[in-house]
Amino acid sequence: GRFTISRDNAKNTVSLQMNSLKPEDTAVYYCYAFRLGLPAY
């Protein structure tokens, strides 16, 4: 209800829209991606 994830396959990008942020959202955020059967990047 606060965050929305989206991606653009043509550009190979992923985004995270974060609204109504709270102090407990403080963190280091890591992007990840994987293909089935292979390790994540």
PDB file of all heavy atoms in Angstrom:
ATOM      1  N   GLY A   1       0.793  -1.218   0.000  1.00  0.00           N
ATOM      2  CA  GLY A   1       0.000   0.000   0.000  1.00  0.00           C
ATOM      3  C   GLY A   1       0.827   1.271   0.000  1.00  0.00           C
ATOM      4  O   GLY A   1       0.281   2.358  -0.211  1.00  0.00           O
ATOM      5  N   ARG A   2       2.118   1.158   0.228  1.00  0.00           N
ATOM      6  CA  ARG A   2       2.994   2.340   0.246  1.00  0.00           C
ATOM      7  C   ARG A   2       4.018   2.309  -0.877  1.00  0.00           C
ATOM      8  O   ARG A   2       4.379   3.356  -1.414  1.00  0.00           O
ATOM      9  CB  ARG A   2       3.709   2.440   1.591  1.00  0.00           C
ATOM     10  CG  ARG A   2       2.782   2.569   2.780  1.00  0.00           C
ATOM     11  CD  ARG A   2       3.569   2.851   4.064  1.00  0.00           C
ATOM     12  NE  ARG A   2       4.503   1.788   4.414  1.00  0.00           N
ATOM     13  CZ  ARG A   2       5.818   1.964   4.559  1.00  0.00           C
ATOM     14  NH1 ARG A   2       6.347   3.161   4.379  1.00  0.00           N
ATOM     15  NH2 ARG A   2       6.587   0.942   4.900  1.00  0.00           N
ATOM     16  N   PHE A   3       4.512   1.130  -1.200  1.00  0.00           N
ATOM     17  CA  PHE A   3       5.541   0.973  -2.229  1.00  0.00           C
ATOM     18  C   PHE A   3       4.941   0.334  -3.473  1.00  0.00           C
ATOM     19  O   PHE A   3       4.044  -0.517  -3.373  1.00  0.00           O
ATOM     20  CB  PHE A   3       6.672   0.078  -1.733  1.00  0.00           C
ATOM     21  CG  PHE A   3       7.523   0.666  -0.639  1.00  0.00           C
ATOM     22  CD1 PHE A   3       7.183   1.834   0.020  1.00  0.00           C
ATOM     23  CD2 PHE A   3       8.707   0.022  -0.275  1.00  0.00           C
ATOM     24  CE1 PHE A   3       7.970   2.355   1.023  1.00  0.00           C
ATOM     25  CE2 PHE A   3       9.519   0.530   0.726  1.00  0.00           C
ATOM     26  CZ  PHE A   3       9.143   1.693   1.387  1.00  0.00           C
ATOM     27  N   THR A   4       5.460   0.733  -4.628  1.00  0.00           N
ATOM     28  CA  THR A   4       5.035   0.143  -5.886  1.00  0.00           C
ATOM     29  C   THR A   4       6.263  -0.200  -6.718  1.00  0.00           C
ATOM     30  O   THR A   4       7.107   0.661  -6.970  1.00  0.00           O
ATOM     31  CB  THR A   4       4.145   1.098  -6.676  1.00  0.00           C
ATOM     32  OG1 THR A   4       2.999   1.456  -5.892  1.00  0.00           O
ATOM     33  CG2 THR A   4       3.668   0.444  -7.972  1.00  0.00           C
ATOM     34  N   ILE A   5       6.341  -1.452  -7.128  1.00  0.00           N
ATOM     35  CA  ILE A   5       7.452  -1.883  -7.970  1.00  0.00           C
ATOM     36  C   ILE A   5       6.979  -1.957  -9.420  1.00  0.00           C
ATOM     37  O   ILE A   5       5.823  -2.312  -9.694  1.00  0.00           O
ATOM     38  CB  ILE A   5       8.000  -3.252  -7.499  1.00  0.00           C
ATOM     39  CG1 ILE A   5       9.310  -3.577  -8.217  1.00  0.00           C
ATOM     40  CG2 ILE A   5       6.977  -4.367  -7.675  1.00  0.00           C
ATOM     41  CD1 ILE A   5      10.046  -4.785  -7.628  1.00  0.00           C
ATOM     42  N   SER A   6       7.880  -1.608 -10.328  1.00  0.00           N
ATOM     43  CA  SER A   6       7.569  -1.672 -11.751  1.00  0.00           C
ATOM     44  C   SER A   6       8.840  -2.011 -12.513  1.00  0.00           C
ATOM     45  O   SER A   6       9.944  -1.865 -11.982  1.00  0.00           O
ATOM     46  CB  SER A   6       6.981  -0.350 -12.243  1.00  0.00           C
ATOM     47  OG  SER A   6       7.897   0.710 -12.039  1.00  0.00           O
ATOM     48  N   ARG A   7       8.674  -2.454 -13.741  1.00  0.00           N
ATOM     49  CA  ARG A   7       9.849  -2.760 -14.562  1.00  0.00           C
ATOM     50  C   ARG A   7       9.558  -2.436 -16.009  1.00  0.00           C
ATOM     51  O   ARG A   7       8.404  -2.402 -16.438  1.00  0.00           O
ATOM     52  CB  ARG A   7      10.272  -4.225 -14.408  1.00  0.00           C
ATOM     53  CG  ARG A   7       9.281  -5.241 -14.913  1.00  0.00           C
ATOM     54  CD  ARG A   7       9.735  -6.677 -14.598  1.00  0.00           C
ATOM     55  NE  ARG A   7      10.852  -7.104 -15.411  1.00  0.00           N
ATOM     56  CZ  ARG A   7      11.508  -8.270 -15.239  1.00  0.00           C
ATOM     57  NH1 ARG A   7      11.139  -9.085 -14.248  1.00  0.00           N
ATOM     58  NH2 ARG A   7      12.509  -8.604 -16.026  1.00  0.00           N
ATOM     59  N   ASP A   8      10.641  -2.203 -16.724  1.00  0.00           N
ATOM     60  CA  ASP A   8      10.582  -1.953 -18.161  1.00  0.00           C
ATOM     61  C   ASP A   8      11.459  -3.012 -18.810  1.00  0.00           C
ATOM     62  O   ASP A   8      12.695  -2.906 -18.761  1.00  0.00           O
ATOM     63  CB  ASP A   8      11.072  -0.537 -18.469  1.00  0.00           C
ATOM     64  CG  ASP A   8      10.945  -0.176 -19.928  1.00  0.00           C
ATOM     65  OD1 ASP A   8      11.007  -1.073 -20.793  1.00  0.00           O
ATOM     66  OD2 ASP A   8      10.793   1.031 -20.226  1.00  0.00           O
ATOM     67  N   ASN A   9      10.850  -4.017 -19.388  1.00  0.00           N
ATOM     68  CA  ASN A   9      11.627  -5.120 -19.958  1.00  0.00           C
ATOM     69  C   ASN A   9      12.467  -4.672 -21.156  1.00  0.00           C
ATOM     70  O   ASN A   9      13.554  -5.199 -21.381  1.00  0.00           O
ATOM     71  CB  ASN A   9      10.693  -6.250 -20.371  1.00  0.00           C
ATOM     72  CG  ASN A   9      10.074  -6.960 -19.173  1.00  0.00           C
ATOM     73  OD1 ASN A   9      10.656  -6.967 -18.095  1.00  0.00           O
ATOM     74  ND2 ASN A   9       8.903  -7.529 -19.373  1.00  0.00           N
ATOM     75  N   ALA A  10      11.974  -3.720 -21.888  1.00  0.00           N
ATOM     76  CA  ALA A  10      12.721  -3.242 -23.061  1.00  0.00           C
ATOM     77  C   ALA A  10      14.025  -2.564 -22.644  1.00  0.00           C
ATOM     78  O   ALA A  10      15.038  -2.657 -23.344  1.00  0.00           O
ATOM     79  CB  ALA A  10      11.859  -2.280 -23.860  1.00  0.00           C
ATOM     80  N   LYS A  11      13.991  -1.893 -21.506  1.00  0.00           N
ATOM     81  CA  LYS A  11      15.184  -1.194 -21.009  1.00  0.00           C
ATOM     82  C   LYS A  11      15.917  -1.994 -19.945  1.00  0.00           C
ATOM     83  O   LYS A  11      16.985  -1.581 -19.502  1.00  0.00           O
ATOM     84  CB  LYS A  11      14.788   0.172 -20.449  1.00  0.00           C
ATOM     85  CG  LYS A  11      14.199   1.124 -21.486  1.00  0.00           C
ATOM     86  CD  LYS A  11      13.843   2.460 -20.856  1.00  0.00           C
ATOM     87  CE  LYS A  11      13.276   3.413 -21.886  1.00  0.00           C
ATOM     88  NZ  LYS A  11      12.910   4.729 -21.279  1.00  0.00           N
ATOM     89  N   ASN A  12      15.333  -3.118 -19.536  1.00  0.00           N
ATOM     90  CA  ASN A  12      15.927  -3.957 -18.485  1.00  0.00           C
ATOM     91  C   ASN A  12      16.139  -3.175 -17.195  1.00  0.00           C
ATOM     92  O   ASN A  12      17.228  -3.196 -16.603  1.00  0.00           O
ATOM     93  CB  ASN A  12      17.242  -4.580 -18.965  1.00  0.00           C
ATOM     94  CG  ASN A  12      17.397  -6.017 -18.505  1.00  0.00           C
ATOM     95  OD1 ASN A  12      16.496  -6.582 -17.875  1.00  0.00           O
ATOM     96  ND2 ASN A  12      18.533  -6.609 -18.801  1.00  0.00           N
ATOM     97  N   THR A  13      15.107  -2.466 -16.780  1.00  0.00           N
ATOM     98  CA  THR A  13      15.171  -1.670 -15.560  1.00  0.00           C
ATOM     99  C   THR A  13      14.042  -2.065 -14.608  1.00  0.00           C
ATOM    100  O   THR A  13      12.996  -2.561 -15.027  1.00  0.00           O
ATOM    101  CB  THR A  13      15.060  -0.171 -15.859  1.00  0.00           C
ATOM    102  OG1 THR A  13      13.814   0.088 -16.527  1.00  0.00           O
ATOM    103  CG2 THR A  13      16.201   0.297 -16.744  1.00  0.00           C
ATOM    104  N   VAL A  14      14.295  -1.813 -13.342  1.00  0.00           N
ATOM    105  CA  VAL A  14      13.274  -2.010 -12.316  1.00  0.00           C
ATOM    106  C   VAL A  14      13.287  -0.795 -11.402  1.00  0.00           C
ATOM    107  O   VAL A  14      14.359  -0.250 -11.119  1.00  0.00           O
ATOM    108  CB  VAL A  14      13.503  -3.315 -11.525  1.00  0.00           C
ATOM    109  CG1 VAL A  14      14.834  -3.297 -10.794  1.00  0.00           C
ATOM    110  CG2 VAL A  14      12.349  -3.588 -10.569  1.00  0.00           C
ATOM    111  N   SER A  15      12.105  -0.365 -10.988  1.00  0.00           N
ATOM    112  CA  SER A  15      11.989   0.815 -10.140  1.00  0.00           C
ATOM    113  C   SER A  15      11.139   0.508  -8.916  1.00  0.00           C
ATOM    114  O   SER A  15      10.304  -0.408  -8.938  1.00  0.00           O
ATOM    115  CB  SER A  15      11.353   1.967 -10.917  1.00  0.00           C
ATOM    116  OG  SER A  15      12.168   2.344 -12.012  1.00  0.00           O
ATOM    117  N   LEU A  16      11.357   1.282  -7.881  1.00  0.00           N
ATOM    118  CA  LEU A  16      10.586   1.140  -6.654  1.00  0.00           C
ATOM    119  C   LEU A  16      10.135   2.530  -6.216  1.00  0.00           C
ATOM    120  O   LEU A  16      10.966   3.344  -5.815  1.00  0.00           O
ATOM    121  CB  LEU A  16      11.411   0.481  -5.557  1.00  0.00           C
ATOM    122  CG  LEU A  16      10.666   0.145  -4.264  1.00  0.00           C
ATOM    123  CD1 LEU A  16       9.649  -0.966  -4.511  1.00  0.00           C
ATOM    124  CD2 LEU A  16      11.653  -0.257  -3.174  1.00  0.00           C
ATOM    125  N   GLN A  17       8.852   2.792  -6.332  1.00  0.00           N
ATOM    126  CA  GLN A  17       8.288   4.048  -5.863  1.00  0.00           C
ATOM    127  C   GLN A  17       7.894   3.867  -4.411  1.00  0.00           C
ATOM    128  O   GLN A  17       7.074   2.994  -4.087  1.00  0.00           O
ATOM    129  CB  GLN A  17       7.064   4.431  -6.701  1.00  0.00           C
ATOM    130  CG  GLN A  17       6.377   5.707  -6.243  1.00  0.00           C
ATOM    131  CD  GLN A  17       7.250   6.937  -6.405  1.00  0.00           C
ATOM    132  OE1 GLN A  17       7.933   7.098  -7.416  1.00  0.00           O
ATOM    133  NE2 GLN A  17       7.237   7.813  -5.413  1.00  0.00           N
ATOM    134  N   MET A  18       8.486   4.680  -3.546  1.00  0.00           N
ATOM    135  CA  MET A  18       8.254   4.552  -2.107  1.00  0.00           C
ATOM    136  C   MET A  18       7.542   5.797  -1.599  1.00  0.00           C
ATOM    137  O   MET A  18       8.102   6.903  -1.671  1.00  0.00           O
ATOM    138  CB  MET A  18       9.587   4.360  -1.379  1.00  0.00           C
ATOM    139  CG  MET A  18      10.400   3.190  -1.911  1.00  0.00           C
ATOM    140  SD  MET A  18      11.903   2.885  -0.966  1.00  0.00           S
ATOM    141  CE  MET A  18      12.834   4.368  -1.346  1.00  0.00           C
ATOM    142  N   ASN A  19       6.332   5.633  -1.125  1.00  0.00           N
ATOM    143  CA  ASN A  19       5.537   6.727  -0.591  1.00  0.00           C
ATOM    144  C   ASN A  19       5.282   6.523   0.899  1.00  0.00           C
ATOM    145  O   ASN A  19       5.454   5.421   1.415  1.00  0.00           O
ATOM    146  CB  ASN A  19       4.202   6.826  -1.337  1.00  0.00           C
ATOM    147  CG  ASN A  19       4.357   7.105  -2.813  1.00  0.00           C
ATOM    148  OD1 ASN A  19       5.294   7.774  -3.249  1.00  0.00           O
ATOM    149  ND2 ASN A  19       3.436   6.591  -3.614  1.00  0.00           N
ATOM    150  N   SER A  20       4.859   7.580   1.551  1.00  0.00           N
ATOM    151  CA  SER A  20       4.544   7.514   2.985  1.00  0.00           C
ATOM    152  C   SER A  20       5.663   6.851   3.769  1.00  0.00           C
ATOM    153  O   SER A  20       5.431   5.957   4.593  1.00  0.00           O
ATOM    154  CB  SER A  20       3.217   6.757   3.203  1.00  0.00           C
ATOM    155  OG  SER A  20       2.158   7.371   2.511  1.00  0.00           O
ATOM    156  N   LEU A  21       6.865   7.279   3.517  1.00  0.00           N
ATOM    157  CA  LEU A  21       8.033   6.649   4.137  1.00  0.00           C
ATOM    158  C   LEU A  21       8.041   6.857   5.648  1.00  0.00           C
ATOM    159  O   LEU A  21       7.614   7.905   6.158  1.00  0.00           O
ATOM    160  CB  LEU A  21       9.311   7.194   3.517  1.00  0.00           C
ATOM    161  CG  LEU A  21       9.625   6.589   2.133  1.00  0.00           C
ATOM    162  CD1 LEU A  21      10.605   7.476   1.365  1.00  0.00           C
ATOM    163  CD2 LEU A  21      10.183   5.185   2.288  1.00  0.00           C
ATOM    164  N   LYS A  22       8.540   5.833   6.336  1.00  0.00           N
ATOM    165  CA  LYS A  22       8.619   5.824   7.783  1.00  0.00           C
ATOM    166  C   LYS A  22      10.072   5.667   8.218  1.00  0.00           C
ATOM    167  O   LYS A  22      10.889   5.131   7.458  1.00  0.00           O
ATOM    168  CB  LYS A  22       7.820   4.645   8.336  1.00  0.00           C
ATOM    169  CG  LYS A  22       6.367   4.613   7.902  1.00  0.00           C
ATOM    170  CD  LYS A  22       5.679   3.342   8.405  1.00  0.00           C
ATOM    171  CE  LYS A  22       4.229   3.278   7.954  1.00  0.00           C
ATOM    172  NZ  LYS A  22       3.569   2.034   8.428  1.00  0.00           N
ATOM    173  N   PRO A  23      10.401   6.092   9.438  1.00  0.00           N
ATOM    174  CA  PRO A  23      11.788   5.910   9.903  1.00  0.00           C
ATOM    175  C   PRO A  23      12.238   4.446   9.823  1.00  0.00           C
ATOM    176  O   PRO A  23      13.414   4.185   9.549  1.00  0.00           O
ATOM    177  CB  PRO A  23      11.717   6.400  11.350  1.00  0.00           C
ATOM    178  CG  PRO A  23      10.636   7.437  11.333  1.00  0.00           C
ATOM    179  CD  PRO A  23       9.608   6.896  10.374  1.00  0.00           C
ATOM    180  N   GLU A  24      11.335   3.524  10.027  1.00  0.00           N
ATOM    181  CA  GLU A  24      11.713   2.111   9.957  1.00  0.00           C
ATOM    182  C   GLU A  24      12.007   1.627   8.538  1.00  0.00           C
ATOM    183  O   GLU A  24      12.455   0.483   8.356  1.00  0.00           O
ATOM    184  CB  GLU A  24      10.635   1.229  10.599  1.00  0.00           C
ATOM    185  CG  GLU A  24       9.230   1.479  10.102  1.00  0.00           C
ATOM    186  CD  GLU A  24       8.446   2.406  11.015  1.00  0.00           C
ATOM    187  OE1 GLU A  24       9.022   3.424  11.475  1.00  0.00           O
ATOM    188  OE2 GLU A  24       7.250   2.120  11.269  1.00  0.00           O
ATOM    189  N   ASP A  25      11.767   2.461   7.548  1.00  0.00           N
ATOM    190  CA  ASP A  25      12.166   2.127   6.175  1.00  0.00           C
ATOM    191  C   ASP A  25      13.634   2.443   5.918  1.00  0.00           C
ATOM    192  O   ASP A  25      14.172   2.111   4.853  1.00  0.00           O
ATOM    193  CB  ASP A  25      11.308   2.899   5.169  1.00  0.00           C
ATOM    194  CG  ASP A  25       9.849   2.501   5.200  1.00  0.00           C
ATOM    195  OD1 ASP A  25       9.560   1.290   5.293  1.00  0.00           O
ATOM    196  OD2 ASP A  25       8.990   3.410   5.134  1.00  0.00           O
ATOM    197  N   THR A  26      14.288   3.084   6.889  1.00  0.00           N
ATOM    198  CA  THR A  26      15.706   3.399   6.749  1.00  0.00           C
ATOM    199  C   THR A  26      16.518   2.117   6.581  1.00  0.00           C
ATOM    200  O   THR A  26      16.427   1.198   7.401  1.00  0.00           O
ATOM    201  CB  THR A  26      16.202   4.180   7.969  1.00  0.00           C
ATOM    202  OG1 THR A  26      15.536   5.451   8.010  1.00  0.00           O
ATOM    203  CG2 THR A  26      17.706   4.387   7.908  1.00  0.00           C
ATOM    204  N   ALA A  27      17.286   2.066   5.520  1.00  0.00           N
ATOM    205  CA  ALA A  27      18.054   0.856   5.210  1.00  0.00           C
ATOM    206  C   ALA A  27      18.896   1.105   3.964  1.00  0.00           C
ATOM    207  O   ALA A  27      18.710   2.109   3.257  1.00  0.00           O
ATOM    208  CB  ALA A  27      17.117  -0.323   4.959  1.00  0.00           C
ATOM    209  N   VAL A  28      19.795   0.168   3.712  1.00  0.00           N
ATOM    210  CA  VAL A  28      20.440   0.112   2.411  1.00  0.00           C
ATOM    211  C   VAL A  28      19.570  -0.777   1.521  1.00  0.00           C
ATOM    212  O   VAL A  28      19.231  -1.905   1.907  1.00  0.00           O
ATOM    213  CB  VAL A  28      21.866  -0.463   2.499  1.00  0.00           C
ATOM    214  CG1 VAL A  28      22.482  -0.549   1.104  1.00  0.00           C
ATOM    215  CG2 VAL A  28      22.729   0.407   3.411  1.00  0.00           C
ATOM    216  N   TYR A  29      19.196  -0.270   0.372  1.00  0.00           N
ATOM    217  CA  TYR A  29      18.329  -0.995  -0.550  1.00  0.00           C
ATOM    218  C   TYR A  29      19.174  -1.584  -1.683  1.00  0.00           C
ATOM    219  O   TYR A  29      19.975  -0.869  -2.301  1.00  0.00           O
ATOM    220  CB  TYR A  29      17.259  -0.065  -1.105  1.00  0.00           C
ATOM    221  CG  TYR A  29      16.163   0.230  -0.110  1.00  0.00           C
ATOM    222  CD1 TYR A  29      16.412   1.003   1.020  1.00  0.00           C
ATOM    223  CD2 TYR A  29      14.889  -0.292  -0.280  1.00  0.00           C
ATOM    224  CE1 TYR A  29      15.418   1.251   1.952  1.00  0.00           C
ATOM    225  CE2 TYR A  29      13.874  -0.038   0.637  1.00  0.00           C
ATOM    226  CZ  TYR A  29      14.151   0.730   1.755  1.00  0.00           C
ATOM    227  OH  TYR A  29      13.157   0.974   2.677  1.00  0.00           O
ATOM    228  N   TYR A  30      18.965  -2.858  -1.930  1.00  0.00           N
ATOM    229  CA  TYR A  30      19.725  -3.578  -2.945  1.00  0.00           C
ATOM    230  C   TYR A  30      18.808  -4.063  -4.056  1.00  0.00           C
ATOM    231  O   TYR A  30      17.791  -4.728  -3.791  1.00  0.00           O
ATOM    232  CB  TYR A  30      20.430  -4.789  -2.339  1.00  0.00           C
ATOM    233  CG  TYR A  30      21.456  -4.466  -1.290  1.00  0.00           C
ATOM    234  CD1 TYR A  30      21.125  -4.386   0.051  1.00  0.00           C
ATOM    235  CD2 TYR A  30      22.793  -4.244  -1.658  1.00  0.00           C
ATOM    236  CE1 TYR A  30      22.072  -4.086   1.019  1.00  0.00           C
ATOM    237  CE2 TYR A  30      23.744  -3.937  -0.696  1.00  0.00           C
ATOM    238  CZ  TYR A  30      23.375  -3.868   0.634  1.00  0.00           C
ATOM    239  OH  TYR A  30      24.321  -3.574   1.583  1.00  0.00           O
ATOM    240  N   CYS A  31      19.178  -3.759  -5.261  1.00  0.00           N
ATOM    241  CA  CYS A  31      18.500  -4.300  -6.422  1.00  0.00           C
ATOM    242  C   CYS A  31      19.017  -5.716  -6.680  1.00  0.00           C
ATOM    243  O   CYS A  31      20.207  -5.985  -6.469  1.00  0.00           O
ATOM    244  CB  CYS A  31      18.792  -3.406  -7.622  1.00  0.00           C
ATOM    245  SG  CYS A  31      18.194  -4.008  -9.211  1.00  0.00           S
ATOM    246  N   TYR A  32      18.143  -6.603  -7.112  1.00  0.00           N
ATOM    247  CA  TYR A  32      18.599  -7.939  -7.478  1.00  0.00           C
ATOM    248  C   TYR A  32      17.853  -8.401  -8.722  1.00  0.00           C
ATOM    249  O   TYR A  32      16.778  -7.903  -9.047  1.00  0.00           O
ATOM    250  CB  TYR A  32      18.418  -8.937  -6.331  1.00  0.00           C
ATOM    251  CG  TYR A  32      17.015  -9.483  -6.187  1.00  0.00           C
ATOM    252  CD1 TYR A  32      16.698 -10.749  -6.647  1.00  0.00           C
ATOM    253  CD2 TYR A  32      16.023  -8.723  -5.587  1.00  0.00           C
ATOM    254  CE1 TYR A  32      15.412 -11.249  -6.518  1.00  0.00           C
ATOM    255  CE2 TYR A  32      14.736  -9.205  -5.459  1.00  0.00           C
ATOM    256  CZ  TYR A  32      14.430 -10.477  -5.919  1.00  0.00           C
ATOM    257  OH  TYR A  32      13.157 -10.969  -5.793  1.00  0.00           O
ATOM    258  N   ALA A  33      18.448  -9.374  -9.375  1.00  0.00           N
ATOM    259  CA  ALA A  33      17.836  -9.924 -10.583  1.00  0.00           C
ATOM    260  C   ALA A  33      18.356 -11.337 -10.796  1.00  0.00           C
ATOM    261  O   ALA A  33      19.519 -11.617 -10.511  1.00  0.00           O
ATOM    262  CB  ALA A  33      18.166  -9.050 -11.795  1.00  0.00           C
ATOM    263  N   PHE A  34      17.485 -12.211 -11.270  1.00  0.00           N
ATOM    264  CA  PHE A  34      17.976 -13.545 -11.578  1.00  0.00           C
ATOM    265  C   PHE A  34      17.161 -14.186 -12.693  1.00  0.00           C
ATOM    266  O   PHE A  34      16.014 -13.803 -12.958  1.00  0.00           O
ATOM    267  CB  PHE A  34      18.004 -14.440 -10.335  1.00  0.00           C
ATOM    268  CG  PHE A  34      16.665 -14.881  -9.813  1.00  0.00           C
ATOM    269  CD1 PHE A  34      16.047 -16.031 -10.298  1.00  0.00           C
ATOM    270  CD2 PHE A  34      16.051 -14.166  -8.798  1.00  0.00           C
ATOM    271  CE1 PHE A  34      14.836 -16.447  -9.785  1.00  0.00           C
ATOM    272  CE2 PHE A  34      14.836 -14.584  -8.279  1.00  0.00           C
ATOM    273  CZ  PHE A  34      14.227 -15.727  -8.782  1.00  0.00           C
ATOM    274  N   ARG A  35      17.809 -15.150 -13.292  1.00  0.00           N
ATOM    275  CA  ARG A  35      17.166 -16.000 -14.302  1.00  0.00           C
ATOM    276  C   ARG A  35      17.023 -17.388 -13.679  1.00  0.00           C
ATOM    277  O   ARG A  35      17.873 -17.814 -12.910  1.00  0.00           O
ATOM    278  CB  ARG A  35      18.012 -16.056 -15.575  1.00  0.00           C
ATOM    279  CG  ARG A  35      18.272 -14.672 -16.174  1.00  0.00           C
ATOM    280  CD  ARG A  35      19.103 -14.743 -17.444  1.00  0.00           C
ATOM    281  NE  ARG A  35      19.386 -13.408 -17.956  1.00  0.00           N
ATOM    282  CZ  ARG A  35      20.549 -12.786 -17.788  1.00  0.00           C
ATOM    283  NH1 ARG A  35      21.526 -13.368 -17.130  1.00  0.00           N
ATOM    284  NH2 ARG A  35      20.732 -11.564 -18.286  1.00  0.00           N
ATOM    285  N   LEU A  36      15.963 -18.057 -13.990  1.00  0.00           N
ATOM    286  CA  LEU A  36      15.660 -19.348 -13.373  1.00  0.00           C
ATOM    287  C   LEU A  36      16.845 -20.310 -13.491  1.00  0.00           C
ATOM    288  O   LEU A  36      17.422 -20.474 -14.573  1.00  0.00           O
ATOM    289  CB  LEU A  36      14.413 -19.956 -14.011  1.00  0.00           C
ATOM    290  CG  LEU A  36      13.104 -19.206 -13.753  1.00  0.00           C
ATOM    291  CD1 LEU A  36      11.942 -19.884 -14.457  1.00  0.00           C
ATOM    292  CD2 LEU A  36      12.831 -19.077 -12.270  1.00  0.00           C
ATOM    293  N   GLY A  37      17.201 -20.899 -12.357  1.00  0.00           N
ATOM    294  CA  GLY A  37      18.265 -21.885 -12.335  1.00  0.00           C
ATOM    295  C   GLY A  37      19.661 -21.312 -12.228  1.00  0.00           C
ATOM    296  O   GLY A  37      20.640 -22.069 -12.200  1.00  0.00           O
ATOM    297  N   LEU A  38      19.756 -19.993 -12.161  1.00  0.00           N
ATOM    298  CA  LEU A  38      21.071 -19.348 -12.091  1.00  0.00           C
ATOM    299  C   LEU A  38      21.164 -18.471 -10.835  1.00  0.00           C
ATOM    300  O   LEU A  38      20.143 -18.036 -10.309  1.00  0.00           O
ATOM    301  CB  LEU A  38      21.296 -18.489 -13.338  1.00  0.00           C
ATOM    302  CG  LEU A  38      21.360 -19.254 -14.656  1.00  0.00           C
ATOM    303  CD1 LEU A  38      21.451 -18.282 -15.836  1.00  0.00           C
ATOM    304  CD2 LEU A  38      22.543 -20.213 -14.675  1.00  0.00           C
ATOM    305  N   PRO A  39      22.392 -18.212 -10.365  1.00  0.00           N
ATOM    306  CA  PRO A  39      22.540 -17.348  -9.186  1.00  0.00           C
ATOM    307  C   PRO A  39      22.025 -15.938  -9.448  1.00  0.00           C
ATOM    308  O   PRO A  39      22.023 -15.463 -10.591  1.00  0.00           O
ATOM    309  CB  PRO A  39      24.050 -17.349  -8.950  1.00  0.00           C
ATOM    310  CG  PRO A  39      24.559 -18.569  -9.635  1.00  0.00           C
ATOM    311  CD  PRO A  39      23.677 -18.744 -10.836  1.00  0.00           C
ATOM    312  N   ALA A  40      21.627 -15.280  -8.371  1.00  0.00           N
ATOM    313  CA  ALA A  40      21.157 -13.906  -8.492  1.00  0.00           C
ATOM    314  C   ALA A  40      22.320 -12.932  -8.628  1.00  0.00           C
ATOM    315  O   ALA A  40      23.440 -13.198  -8.179  1.00  0.00           O
ATOM    316  CB  ALA A  40      20.328 -13.534  -7.270  1.00  0.00           C
ATOM    317  N   TYR A  41      22.028 -11.832  -9.287  1.00  0.00           N
ATOM    318  CA  TYR A  41      22.965 -10.711  -9.367  1.00  0.00           C
ATOM    319  C   TYR A  41      22.461  -9.606  -8.430  1.00  0.00           C
ATOM    320  O   TYR A  41      21.244  -9.434  -8.261  1.00  0.00           O
ATOM    321  CB  TYR A  41      23.048 -10.181 -10.796  1.00  0.00           C
ATOM    322  CG  TYR A  41      23.605 -11.176 -11.783  1.00  0.00           C
ATOM    323  CD1 TYR A  41      22.759 -11.973 -12.542  1.00  0.00           C
ATOM    324  CD2 TYR A  41      24.975 -11.331 -11.951  1.00  0.00           C
ATOM    325  CE1 TYR A  41      23.255 -12.896 -13.440  1.00  0.00           C
ATOM    326  CE2 TYR A  41      25.489 -12.249 -12.855  1.00  0.00           C
ATOM    327  CZ  TYR A  41      24.623 -13.034 -13.594  1.00  0.00           C
ATOM    328  OH  TYR A  41      25.129 -13.951 -14.479  1.00  0.00           O
TER     329      TYR A  41
END
